Amino acid sequence: MSILDILPGWGKAQKKPIIVDFREPIHTTELITTLEGELRAHQGEHYVIVGVEGELYPIDIEIFKKTYDVVVPLQPLESTQTPTPLKKVNK
């Protein structure tokens, strides 16, 4: 039993099964413009994920692993390549 089962005013929700795009940061530290402002993504610590509205934001790799199952692995890049830009842009 969870504490949420006995506390009034609480509900439960499950994430919808949607597929999201993700990538590693382009640089050692990448500044990401999010809907909440500018955030930093660090290689080895974060992925950059595309939200349901096309927004970009960094997510801690360990939280990503707990939240998402990878359906298509990251595609390797040559050392001179950068990830293909998405058609959706930040609002």
N, C-alpha and C. Protein backbone atom coordinates (compact mmCIF):
# COMPACT_ATOMS: atom_id res chain seq x y z
N MET A 1 0.85 -1.19 0.00
CA MET A 1 0.00 0.00 0.00
C MET A 1 0.89 1.24 0.00
N SER A 2 0.48 2.23 -0.74
CA SER A 2 1.21 3.49 -0.85
C SER A 2 0.55 4.53 0.04
N ILE A 3 1.34 5.51 0.48
CA ILE A 3 0.77 6.62 1.26
C ILE A 3 -0.30 7.36 0.45
N LEU A 4 -0.17 7.33 -0.89
CA LEU A 4 -1.17 8.00 -1.72
C LEU A 4 -2.52 7.31 -1.65
N ASP A 5 -2.55 6.04 -1.25
CA ASP A 5 -3.81 5.31 -1.12
C ASP A 5 -4.64 5.81 0.05
N ILE A 6 -4.01 6.42 1.04
CA ILE A 6 -4.75 6.79 2.25
C ILE A 6 -4.88 8.30 2.46
N LEU A 7 -4.23 9.09 1.66
CA LEU A 7 -4.32 10.54 1.85
C LEU A 7 -5.44 11.15 1.00
N PRO A 8 -6.34 11.89 1.63
CA PRO A 8 -7.38 12.56 0.84
C PRO A 8 -6.77 13.61 -0.08
N GLY A 9 -7.40 13.83 -1.19
CA GLY A 9 -6.96 14.87 -2.12
C GLY A 9 -5.94 14.40 -3.14
N TRP A 10 -5.55 13.12 -3.11
CA TRP A 10 -4.58 12.59 -4.07
C TRP A 10 -5.26 11.69 -5.07
N GLY A 11 -4.73 11.65 -6.27
CA GLY A 11 -5.18 10.74 -7.31
C GLY A 11 -3.97 10.02 -7.88
N LYS A 12 -4.19 9.17 -8.83
CA LYS A 12 -3.09 8.46 -9.50
C LYS A 12 -3.23 8.65 -11.00
N ALA A 13 -2.12 8.70 -11.70
CA ALA A 13 -2.11 8.84 -13.16
C ALA A 13 -0.97 8.01 -13.72
N GLN A 14 -1.14 7.58 -14.96
CA GLN A 14 -0.10 6.82 -15.64
C GLN A 14 0.25 7.56 -16.92
N LYS A 15 1.54 7.63 -17.23
CA LYS A 15 1.95 8.30 -18.47
C LYS A 15 1.33 7.62 -19.66
N LYS A 16 0.91 8.44 -20.63
CA LYS A 16 0.36 7.90 -21.87
C LYS A 16 1.47 7.24 -22.68
N PRO A 17 1.14 6.19 -23.39
CA PRO A 17 2.17 5.51 -24.18
C PRO A 17 2.46 6.24 -25.50
N ILE A 18 3.28 7.28 -25.41
CA ILE A 18 3.65 8.03 -26.61
C ILE A 18 5.14 7.79 -26.89
N ILE A 19 5.51 7.91 -28.12
CA ILE A 19 6.92 7.77 -28.51
C ILE A 19 7.50 9.17 -28.68
N VAL A 20 8.65 9.40 -28.05
CA VAL A 20 9.31 10.71 -28.13
C VAL A 20 10.67 10.55 -28.80
N ASP A 21 11.15 11.63 -29.40
CA ASP A 21 12.49 11.65 -29.97
C ASP A 21 13.46 12.09 -28.89
N PHE A 22 14.70 11.55 -28.92
CA PHE A 22 15.71 11.98 -27.97
C PHE A 22 17.09 11.87 -28.63
N ARG A 23 18.02 12.61 -28.07
CA ARG A 23 19.39 12.59 -28.57
C ARG A 23 20.32 12.96 -27.43
N GLU A 24 21.61 12.76 -27.66
CA GLU A 24 22.62 13.22 -26.71
C GLU A 24 22.88 14.70 -26.97
N PRO A 25 23.38 15.44 -25.96
CA PRO A 25 23.76 16.84 -26.21
C PRO A 25 24.82 16.91 -27.31
N ILE A 26 24.77 17.97 -28.12
CA ILE A 26 25.69 18.14 -29.24
C ILE A 26 27.11 18.43 -28.76
N HIS A 27 27.23 19.22 -27.72
CA HIS A 27 28.54 19.62 -27.18
C HIS A 27 28.68 19.07 -25.76
N THR A 28 29.83 19.23 -25.17
CA THR A 28 30.04 18.81 -23.78
C THR A 28 28.94 19.40 -22.90
N THR A 29 28.66 20.67 -23.09
CA THR A 29 27.53 21.34 -22.45
C THR A 29 26.76 22.06 -23.54
N GLU A 30 25.46 21.80 -23.61
CA GLU A 30 24.61 22.43 -24.62
C GLU A 30 23.52 23.24 -23.93
N LEU A 31 23.36 24.48 -24.35
CA LEU A 31 22.31 25.34 -23.82
C LEU A 31 21.04 25.07 -24.61
N ILE A 32 19.98 24.65 -23.92
CA ILE A 32 18.71 24.31 -24.54
C ILE A 32 17.69 25.38 -24.17
N THR A 33 17.04 25.96 -25.16
CA THR A 33 15.97 26.91 -24.90
C THR A 33 14.68 26.12 -24.75
N THR A 34 14.12 26.14 -23.54
CA THR A 34 12.90 25.39 -23.24
C THR A 34 11.74 26.37 -23.07
N LEU A 35 10.56 25.83 -22.88
CA LEU A 35 9.40 26.68 -22.62
C LEU A 35 9.53 27.41 -21.28
N GLU A 36 10.36 26.87 -20.38
CA GLU A 36 10.56 27.48 -19.06
C GLU A 36 11.80 28.38 -19.00
N GLY A 37 12.53 28.49 -20.09
CA GLY A 37 13.75 29.28 -20.10
C GLY A 37 14.91 28.44 -20.60
N GLU A 38 16.14 28.93 -20.37
CA GLU A 38 17.31 28.23 -20.86
C GLU A 38 17.84 27.26 -19.79
N LEU A 39 18.09 26.02 -20.21
CA LEU A 39 18.64 24.99 -19.34
C LEU A 39 19.85 24.37 -20.02
N ARG A 40 20.74 23.81 -19.23
CA ARG A 40 21.94 23.18 -19.77
C ARG A 40 21.78 21.66 -19.78
N ALA A 41 22.26 21.06 -20.87
CA ALA A 41 22.34 19.61 -20.98
C ALA A 41 23.81 19.24 -21.06
N HIS A 42 24.23 18.26 -20.28
CA HIS A 42 25.63 17.86 -20.22
C HIS A 42 25.77 16.44 -20.77
N GLN A 43 26.75 16.26 -21.66
CA GLN A 43 27.01 14.93 -22.21
C GLN A 43 27.32 13.97 -21.06
N GLY A 44 26.76 12.77 -21.15
CA GLY A 44 26.97 11.76 -20.12
C GLY A 44 26.03 11.88 -18.95
N GLU A 45 25.32 13.01 -18.82
CA GLU A 45 24.38 13.23 -17.72
C GLU A 45 22.94 13.36 -18.21
N HIS A 46 22.76 13.89 -19.42
CA HIS A 46 21.43 14.19 -19.93
C HIS A 46 21.23 13.68 -21.35
N TYR A 47 19.98 13.50 -21.70
CA TYR A 47 19.55 13.42 -23.09
C TYR A 47 18.77 14.69 -23.36
N VAL A 48 18.63 15.04 -24.63
CA VAL A 48 17.75 16.13 -25.04
C VAL A 48 16.53 15.44 -25.64
N ILE A 49 15.37 15.78 -25.13
CA ILE A 49 14.14 15.09 -25.53
C ILE A 49 13.19 16.11 -26.16
N VAL A 50 12.36 15.64 -27.08
CA VAL A 50 11.36 16.48 -27.73
C VAL A 50 10.02 16.18 -27.07
N GLY A 51 9.41 17.22 -26.49
CA GLY A 51 8.12 17.05 -25.83
C GLY A 51 6.97 16.94 -26.81
N VAL A 52 5.77 16.74 -26.27
CA VAL A 52 4.59 16.51 -27.10
C VAL A 52 4.19 17.72 -27.93
N GLU A 53 4.65 18.91 -27.55
CA GLU A 53 4.37 20.12 -28.32
C GLU A 53 5.54 20.53 -29.20
N GLY A 54 6.55 19.65 -29.32
CA GLY A 54 7.72 19.95 -30.14
C GLY A 54 8.80 20.71 -29.41
N GLU A 55 8.61 20.96 -28.13
CA GLU A 55 9.61 21.69 -27.34
C GLU A 55 10.77 20.76 -26.99
N LEU A 56 11.94 21.35 -26.81
CA LEU A 56 13.14 20.61 -26.41
C LEU A 56 13.38 20.82 -24.93
N TYR A 57 13.87 19.79 -24.25
CA TYR A 57 14.31 19.97 -22.88
C TYR A 57 15.27 18.85 -22.49
N PRO A 58 16.21 19.15 -21.56
CA PRO A 58 17.12 18.12 -21.10
C PRO A 58 16.44 17.23 -20.06
N ILE A 59 16.81 15.95 -20.05
CA ILE A 59 16.31 15.02 -19.04
C ILE A 59 17.48 14.19 -18.56
N ASP A 60 17.59 14.03 -17.26
CA ASP A 60 18.64 13.22 -16.66
C ASP A 60 18.55 11.79 -17.23
N ILE A 61 19.69 11.21 -17.60
CA ILE A 61 19.70 9.90 -18.22
C ILE A 61 19.04 8.84 -17.33
N GLU A 62 19.29 8.89 -16.03
CA GLU A 62 18.70 7.89 -15.13
C GLU A 62 17.18 8.03 -15.05
N ILE A 63 16.68 9.26 -15.05
CA ILE A 63 15.22 9.47 -15.06
C ILE A 63 14.65 9.00 -16.39
N PHE A 64 15.36 9.28 -17.49
CA PHE A 64 14.93 8.81 -18.80
C PHE A 64 14.77 7.29 -18.79
N LYS A 65 15.77 6.58 -18.25
CA LYS A 65 15.74 5.12 -18.24
C LYS A 65 14.58 4.58 -17.40
N LYS A 66 14.21 5.29 -16.35
CA LYS A 66 13.09 4.86 -15.50
C LYS A 66 11.74 5.18 -16.13
N THR A 67 11.72 6.16 -17.04
CA THR A 67 10.46 6.66 -17.59
C THR A 67 10.16 6.10 -18.97
N TYR A 68 11.19 5.83 -19.77
CA TYR A 68 11.00 5.45 -21.17
C TYR A 68 11.67 4.13 -21.49
N ASP A 69 11.09 3.39 -22.41
CA ASP A 69 11.73 2.23 -23.03
C ASP A 69 12.16 2.66 -24.42
N VAL A 70 13.42 2.46 -24.76
CA VAL A 70 13.93 2.86 -26.08
C VAL A 70 13.36 1.91 -27.13
N VAL A 71 12.71 2.47 -28.16
CA VAL A 71 12.15 1.65 -29.24
C VAL A 71 13.04 1.68 -30.48
N VAL A 72 13.81 2.75 -30.66
CA VAL A 72 14.82 2.85 -31.72
C VAL A 72 16.06 3.45 -31.06
N PRO A 73 17.17 2.71 -31.00
CA PRO A 73 18.37 3.23 -30.34
C PRO A 73 18.91 4.49 -31.02
N LEU A 74 19.69 5.24 -30.25
CA LEU A 74 20.37 6.42 -30.81
C LEU A 74 21.17 5.99 -32.03
N GLN A 75 21.08 6.76 -33.08
CA GLN A 75 21.82 6.47 -34.31
C GLN A 75 23.19 7.12 -34.21
N PRO A 76 24.25 6.36 -34.49
CA PRO A 76 25.60 6.92 -34.35
C PRO A 76 25.85 8.05 -35.34
N LEU A 77 26.65 9.01 -34.90
CA LEU A 77 27.05 10.13 -35.75
C LEU A 77 28.53 10.04 -36.03
N GLU A 78 28.93 10.47 -37.22
CA GLU A 78 30.35 10.63 -37.51
C GLU A 78 30.83 11.84 -36.72
N SER A 79 32.12 11.94 -36.49
CA SER A 79 32.65 13.03 -35.66
C SER A 79 32.37 14.41 -36.25
N THR A 80 32.10 14.50 -37.54
CA THR A 80 31.84 15.81 -38.16
C THR A 80 30.35 16.11 -38.29
N GLN A 81 29.49 15.18 -37.88
CA GLN A 81 28.05 15.37 -38.03
C GLN A 81 27.43 15.94 -36.76
N THR A 82 26.28 16.57 -36.93
CA THR A 82 25.43 16.97 -35.81
C THR A 82 24.06 16.34 -36.05
N PRO A 83 23.26 16.17 -35.00
CA PRO A 83 21.95 15.56 -35.20
C PRO A 83 21.11 16.35 -36.20
N THR A 84 20.31 15.64 -36.97
CA THR A 84 19.42 16.26 -37.94
C THR A 84 18.42 17.13 -37.20
N PRO A 85 18.28 18.41 -37.59
CA PRO A 85 17.28 19.26 -36.92
C PRO A 85 15.86 18.73 -37.16
N LEU A 86 15.02 18.91 -36.16
CA LEU A 86 13.62 18.52 -36.31
C LEU A 86 12.83 19.64 -36.93
N LYS A 87 11.73 19.32 -37.57
CA LYS A 87 10.91 20.35 -38.20
C LYS A 87 10.16 21.18 -37.17
N LYS A 88 9.82 20.58 -36.02
CA LYS A 88 9.16 21.33 -34.97
C LYS A 88 10.17 22.23 -34.29
N VAL A 89 9.75 23.40 -33.85
CA VAL A 89 10.64 24.32 -33.19
C VAL A 89 10.04 24.75 -31.86
N ASN A 90 10.87 25.30 -30.98
CA ASN A 90 10.37 25.82 -29.71
C ASN A 90 9.37 26.94 -29.96
N LYS A 91 8.36 27.02 -29.12
CA LYS A 91 7.33 28.06 -29.25
C LYS A 91 7.72 29.28 -28.46
